[in-house]
């Protein structure tokens, strides 16, 4: 049985929590927008790439 998008996000966040990590407020907001159809997975990937490329000076 395939996982729904919501289940996949819950799994991903749960895997972070197992390691003692917590997703940022910004990430949680993007996940909620993706669940509502307001953002796509590609939008999230693009925003994360832009953010972390800028932080690394790339």
PDB file of N, CA and C in Angstrom:
ATOM      1  N   UNK A   1       0.844  -1.182   0.000  1.00  0.00           N
ATOM      2  CA  UNK A   1       0.000   0.000   0.000  1.00  0.00           C
ATOM      3  C   UNK A   1       0.887   1.242   0.000  1.00  0.00           C
ATOM      4  N   UNK A   2       0.592   2.153  -0.885  1.00  0.00           N
ATOM      5  CA  UNK A   2       1.385   3.377  -1.015  1.00  0.00           C
ATOM      6  C   UNK A   2       1.050   4.366   0.102  1.00  0.00           C
ATOM      7  N   UNK A   3       2.027   5.167   0.440  1.00  0.00           N
ATOM      8  CA  UNK A   3       1.872   6.187   1.461  1.00  0.00           C
ATOM      9  C   UNK A   3       1.256   7.439   0.841  1.00  0.00           C
ATOM     10  N   UNK A   4       0.372   8.092   1.570  1.00  0.00           N
ATOM     11  CA  UNK A   4      -0.148   9.376   1.103  1.00  0.00           C
ATOM     12  C   UNK A   4       0.919  10.442   1.330  1.00  0.00           C
ATOM     13  N   UNK A   5       0.740  11.602   0.710  1.00  0.00           N
ATOM     14  CA  UNK A   5       1.667  12.708   0.922  1.00  0.00           C
ATOM     15  C   UNK A   5       1.736  13.115   2.381  1.00  0.00           C
ATOM     16  N   UNK A   6       0.595  13.149   3.031  1.00  0.00           N
ATOM     17  CA  UNK A   6       0.565  13.524   4.447  1.00  0.00           C
ATOM     18  C   UNK A   6       1.314  12.500   5.302  1.00  0.00           C
ATOM     19  N   UNK A   7       1.111  11.226   5.002  1.00  0.00           N
ATOM     20  CA  UNK A   7       1.832  10.180   5.744  1.00  0.00           C
ATOM     21  C   UNK A   7       3.336  10.294   5.521  1.00  0.00           C
ATOM     22  N   UNK A   8       3.722  10.613   4.299  1.00  0.00           N
ATOM     23  CA  UNK A   8       5.149  10.747   3.990  1.00  0.00           C
ATOM     24  C   UNK A   8       5.765  11.891   4.792  1.00  0.00           C
ATOM     25  N   UNK A   9       5.058  13.022   4.895  1.00  0.00           N
ATOM     26  CA  UNK A   9       5.569  14.146   5.682  1.00  0.00           C
ATOM     27  C   UNK A   9       5.637  13.779   7.162  1.00  0.00           C
ATOM     28  N   UNK A  10       4.622  13.104   7.656  1.00  0.00           N
ATOM     29  CA  UNK A  10       4.634  12.690   9.064  1.00  0.00           C
ATOM     30  C   UNK A  10       5.810  11.760   9.343  1.00  0.00           C
ATOM     31  N   UNK A  11       6.088  10.864   8.421  1.00  0.00           N
ATOM     32  CA  UNK A  11       7.216   9.944   8.552  1.00  0.00           C
ATOM     33  C   UNK A  11       8.531  10.720   8.561  1.00  0.00           C
ATOM     34  N   UNK A  12       8.663  11.659   7.620  1.00  0.00           N
ATOM     35  CA  UNK A  12       9.900  12.441   7.513  1.00  0.00           C
ATOM     36  C   UNK A  12      10.155  13.255   8.784  1.00  0.00           C
ATOM     37  N   UNK A  13       9.123  13.918   9.287  1.00  0.00           N
ATOM     38  CA  UNK A  13       9.262  14.710  10.510  1.00  0.00           C
ATOM     39  C   UNK A  13       9.560  13.787  11.688  1.00  0.00           C
ATOM     40  N   UNK A  14       8.915  12.636  11.730  1.00  0.00           N
ATOM     41  CA  UNK A  14       9.168  11.666  12.787  1.00  0.00           C
ATOM     42  C   UNK A  14      10.605  11.177  12.783  1.00  0.00           C
ATOM     43  N   UNK A  15      11.181  10.988  11.591  1.00  0.00           N
ATOM     44  CA  UNK A  15      12.579  10.564  11.496  1.00  0.00           C
ATOM     45  C   UNK A  15      13.511  11.642  12.049  1.00  0.00           C
ATOM     46  N   UNK A  16      13.187  12.894  11.823  1.00  0.00           N
ATOM     47  CA  UNK A  16      13.983  13.983  12.411  1.00  0.00           C
ATOM     48  C   UNK A  16      13.902  13.937  13.929  1.00  0.00           C
ATOM     49  N   UNK A  17      12.692  13.745  14.432  1.00  0.00           N
ATOM     50  CA  UNK A  17      12.477  13.753  15.877  1.00  0.00           C
ATOM     51  C   UNK A  17      13.189  12.595  16.567  1.00  0.00           C
ATOM     52  N   UNK A  18      13.304  11.455  15.892  1.00  0.00           N
ATOM     53  CA  UNK A  18      14.028  10.312  16.449  1.00  0.00           C
ATOM     54  C   UNK A  18      15.477  10.707  16.725  1.00  0.00           C
ATOM     55  N   UNK A  19      16.022  11.577  15.873  1.00  0.00           N
ATOM     56  CA  UNK A  19      17.400  12.041  16.039  1.00  0.00           C
ATOM     57  C   UNK A  19      17.500  13.263  16.941  1.00  0.00           C
ATOM     58  N   UNK A  20      16.386  13.636  17.574  1.00  0.00           N
ATOM     59  CA  UNK A  20      16.396  14.776  18.480  1.00  0.00           C
ATOM     60  C   UNK A  20      16.344  16.116  17.767  1.00  0.00           C
ATOM     61  N   UNK A  21      15.951  16.109  16.504  1.00  0.00           N
ATOM     62  CA  UNK A  21      15.870  17.338  15.720  1.00  0.00           C
ATOM     63  C   UNK A  21      14.422  17.780  15.572  1.00  0.00           C
ATOM     64  N   UNK A  22      14.236  19.054  15.319  1.00  0.00           N
ATOM     65  CA  UNK A  22      12.902  19.613  15.123  1.00  0.00           C
ATOM     66  C   UNK A  22      12.930  20.443  13.844  1.00  0.00           C
ATOM     67  N   UNK A  23      11.965  20.246  12.938  1.00  0.00           N
ATOM     68  CA  UNK A  23      11.950  21.064  11.721  1.00  0.00           C
ATOM     69  C   UNK A  23      11.689  22.529  12.081  1.00  0.00           C
ATOM     70  N   UNK A  24      12.239  23.422  11.280  1.00  0.00           N
ATOM     71  CA  UNK A  24      12.056  24.846  11.515  1.00  0.00           C
ATOM     72  C   UNK A  24      10.589  25.230  11.299  1.00  0.00           C
ATOM     73  N   UNK A  25      10.224  26.363  11.852  1.00  0.00           N
ATOM     74  CA  UNK A  25       8.867  26.893  11.665  1.00  0.00           C
ATOM     75  C   UNK A  25       8.606  27.072  10.174  1.00  0.00           C
ATOM     76  N   UNK A  26       9.608  27.586   9.457  1.00  0.00           N
ATOM     77  CA  UNK A  26       9.475  27.794   8.018  1.00  0.00           C
ATOM     78  C   UNK A  26       9.194  26.468   7.301  1.00  0.00           C
ATOM     79  N   UNK A  27       9.897  25.408   7.684  1.00  0.00           N
ATOM     80  CA  UNK A  27       9.683  24.110   7.046  1.00  0.00           C
ATOM     81  C   UNK A  27       8.294  23.573   7.343  1.00  0.00           C
ATOM     82  N   UNK A  28       7.851  23.697   8.585  1.00  0.00           N
ATOM     83  CA  UNK A  28       6.506  23.238   8.956  1.00  0.00           C
ATOM     84  C   UNK A  28       5.456  23.999   8.153  1.00  0.00           C
ATOM     85  N   UNK A  29       5.662  25.303   7.980  1.00  0.00           N
ATOM     86  CA  UNK A  29       4.714  26.106   7.190  1.00  0.00           C
ATOM     87  C   UNK A  29       4.689  25.631   5.740  1.00  0.00           C
ATOM     88  N   UNK A  30       5.863  25.335   5.174  1.00  0.00           N
ATOM     89  CA  UNK A  30       5.901  24.848   3.787  1.00  0.00           C
ATOM     90  C   UNK A  30       5.220  23.488   3.670  1.00  0.00           C
ATOM     91  N   UNK A  31       5.413  22.623   4.650  1.00  0.00           N
ATOM     92  CA  UNK A  31       4.757  21.310   4.633  1.00  0.00           C
ATOM     93  C   UNK A  31       3.244  21.482   4.651  1.00  0.00           C
ATOM     94  N   UNK A  32       2.748  22.357   5.524  1.00  0.00           N
ATOM     95  CA  UNK A  32       1.302  22.588   5.602  1.00  0.00           C
ATOM     96  C   UNK A  32       0.762  23.143   4.289  1.00  0.00           C
ATOM     97  N   UNK A  33       1.500  24.058   3.661  1.00  0.00           N
ATOM     98  CA  UNK A  33       1.074  24.608   2.370  1.00  0.00           C
ATOM     99  C   UNK A  33       1.055  23.531   1.298  1.00  0.00           C
ATOM    100  N   UNK A  34       2.037  22.625   1.329  1.00  0.00           N
ATOM    101  CA  UNK A  34       2.068  21.542   0.344  1.00  0.00           C
ATOM    102  C   UNK A  34       0.878  20.609   0.548  1.00  0.00           C
ATOM    103  N   UNK A  35       0.548  20.328   1.795  1.00  0.00           N
ATOM    104  CA  UNK A  35      -0.604  19.469   2.094  1.00  0.00           C
ATOM    105  C   UNK A  35      -1.903  20.080   1.583  1.00  0.00           C
ATOM    106  N   UNK A  36      -2.004  21.430   1.639  1.00  0.00           N
ATOM    107  CA  UNK A  36      -3.210  22.135   1.194  1.00  0.00           C
ATOM    108  C   UNK A  36      -3.216  22.386  -0.311  1.00  0.00           C
ATOM    109  N   UNK A  37      -2.126  22.035  -0.989  1.00  0.00           N
ATOM    110  CA  UNK A  37      -2.052  22.268  -2.427  1.00  0.00           C
ATOM    111  C   UNK A  37      -1.625  23.678  -2.788  1.00  0.00           C
ATOM    112  N   UNK A  38      -1.136  24.436  -1.820  1.00  0.00           N
ATOM    113  CA  UNK A  38      -0.712  25.815  -2.059  1.00  0.00           C
ATOM    114  C   UNK A  38       0.731  25.883  -2.529  1.00  0.00           C
ATOM    115  N   UNK A  39       1.490  24.825  -2.351  1.00  0.00           N
ATOM    116  CA  UNK A  39       2.880  24.714  -2.801  1.00  0.00           C
ATOM    117  C   UNK A  39       3.068  23.304  -3.338  1.00  0.00           C
ATOM    118  N   UNK A  40       4.052  23.169  -4.208  1.00  0.00           N
ATOM    119  CA  UNK A  40       4.400  21.835  -4.690  1.00  0.00           C
ATOM    120  C   UNK A  40       5.698  21.401  -4.026  1.00  0.00           C
ATOM    121  N   UNK A  41       6.001  20.131  -4.161  1.00  0.00           N
ATOM    122  CA  UNK A  41       7.276  19.620  -3.647  1.00  0.00           C
ATOM    123  C   UNK A  41       8.434  20.362  -4.317  1.00  0.00           C
ATOM    124  N   UNK A  42       8.269  20.663  -5.610  1.00  0.00           N
ATOM    125  CA  UNK A  42       9.306  21.391  -6.336  1.00  0.00           C
ATOM    126  C   UNK A  42       9.496  22.797  -5.768  1.00  0.00           C
ATOM    127  N   UNK A  43       8.394  23.460  -5.367  1.00  0.00           N
ATOM    128  CA  UNK A  43       8.492  24.776  -4.736  1.00  0.00           C
ATOM    129  C   UNK A  43       9.316  24.700  -3.453  1.00  0.00           C
ATOM    130  N   UNK A  44       9.043  23.676  -2.657  1.00  0.00           N
ATOM    131  CA  UNK A  44       9.766  23.502  -1.392  1.00  0.00           C
ATOM    132  C   UNK A  44      11.242  23.269  -1.668  1.00  0.00           C
ATOM    133  N   UNK A  45      11.552  22.382  -2.598  1.00  0.00           N
ATOM    134  CA  UNK A  45      12.943  22.099  -2.919  1.00  0.00           C
ATOM    135  C   UNK A  45      13.665  23.347  -3.412  1.00  0.00           C
ATOM    136  N   UNK A  46      12.992  24.137  -4.253  1.00  0.00           N
ATOM    137  CA  UNK A  46      13.593  25.364  -4.780  1.00  0.00           C
ATOM    138  C   UNK A  46      13.876  26.354  -3.649  1.00  0.00           C
ATOM    139  N   UNK A  47      12.914  26.544  -2.736  1.00  0.00           N
ATOM    140  CA  UNK A  47      13.115  27.482  -1.620  1.00  0.00           C
ATOM    141  C   UNK A  47      14.236  27.021  -0.701  1.00  0.00           C
ATOM    142  N   UNK A  48      14.293  25.722  -0.414  1.00  0.00           N
ATOM    143  CA  UNK A  48      15.365  25.212   0.432  1.00  0.00           C
ATOM    144  C   UNK A  48      16.723  25.367  -0.243  1.00  0.00           C
ATOM    145  N   UNK A  49      16.772  25.087  -1.545  1.00  0.00           N
ATOM    146  CA  UNK A  49      18.021  25.242  -2.287  1.00  0.00           C
ATOM    147  C   UNK A  49      18.474  26.700  -2.265  1.00  0.00           C
ATOM    148  N   UNK A  50      17.547  27.626  -2.517  1.00  0.00           N
ATOM    149  CA  UNK A  50      17.886  29.053  -2.492  1.00  0.00           C
ATOM    150  C   UNK A  50      18.390  29.471  -1.119  1.00  0.00           C
ATOM    151  N   UNK A  51      17.704  29.033  -0.074  1.00  0.00           N
ATOM    152  CA  UNK A  51      18.075  29.420   1.289  1.00  0.00           C
ATOM    153  C   UNK A  51      19.454  28.890   1.651  1.00  0.00           C
ATOM    154  N   UNK A  52      19.680  27.612   1.449  1.00  0.00           N
ATOM    155  CA  UNK A  52      20.925  27.014   1.899  1.00  0.00           C
ATOM    156  C   UNK A  52      22.093  27.307   0.960  1.00  0.00           C
ATOM    157  N   UNK A  53      21.818  27.609  -0.298  1.00  0.00           N
ATOM    158  CA  UNK A  53      22.886  28.053  -1.202  1.00  0.00           C
ATOM    159  C   UNK A  53      23.362  29.423  -0.760  1.00  0.00           C
ATOM    160  N   UNK A  54      22.444  30.295  -0.392  1.00  0.00           N
ATOM    161  CA  UNK A  54      22.802  31.637   0.065  1.00  0.00           C
ATOM    162  C   UNK A  54      23.586  31.574   1.360  1.00  0.00           C
ATOM    163  N   UNK A  55      23.205  30.680   2.269  1.00  0.00           N
ATOM    164  CA  UNK A  55      23.890  30.555   3.557  1.00  0.00           C
ATOM    165  C   UNK A  55      25.303  30.017   3.399  1.00  0.00           C
ATOM    166  N   UNK A  56      25.498  29.147   2.409  1.00  0.00           N
ATOM    167  CA  UNK A  56      26.824  28.548   2.229  1.00  0.00           C
ATOM    168  C   UNK A  56      27.728  29.409   1.364  1.00  0.00           C
ATOM    169  N   UNK A  57      27.161  30.478   0.794  1.00  0.00           N
ATOM    170  CA  UNK A  57      27.954  31.348  -0.061  1.00  0.00           C
ATOM    171  C   UNK A  57      28.132  30.818  -1.477  1.00  0.00           C
ATOM    172  N   UNK A  58      27.389  29.778  -1.832  1.00  0.00           N
ATOM    173  CA  UNK A  58      27.498  29.169  -3.160  1.00  0.00           C
ATOM    174  C   UNK A  58      26.798  30.014  -4.204  1.00  0.00           C
TER     175      UNK A  58
END
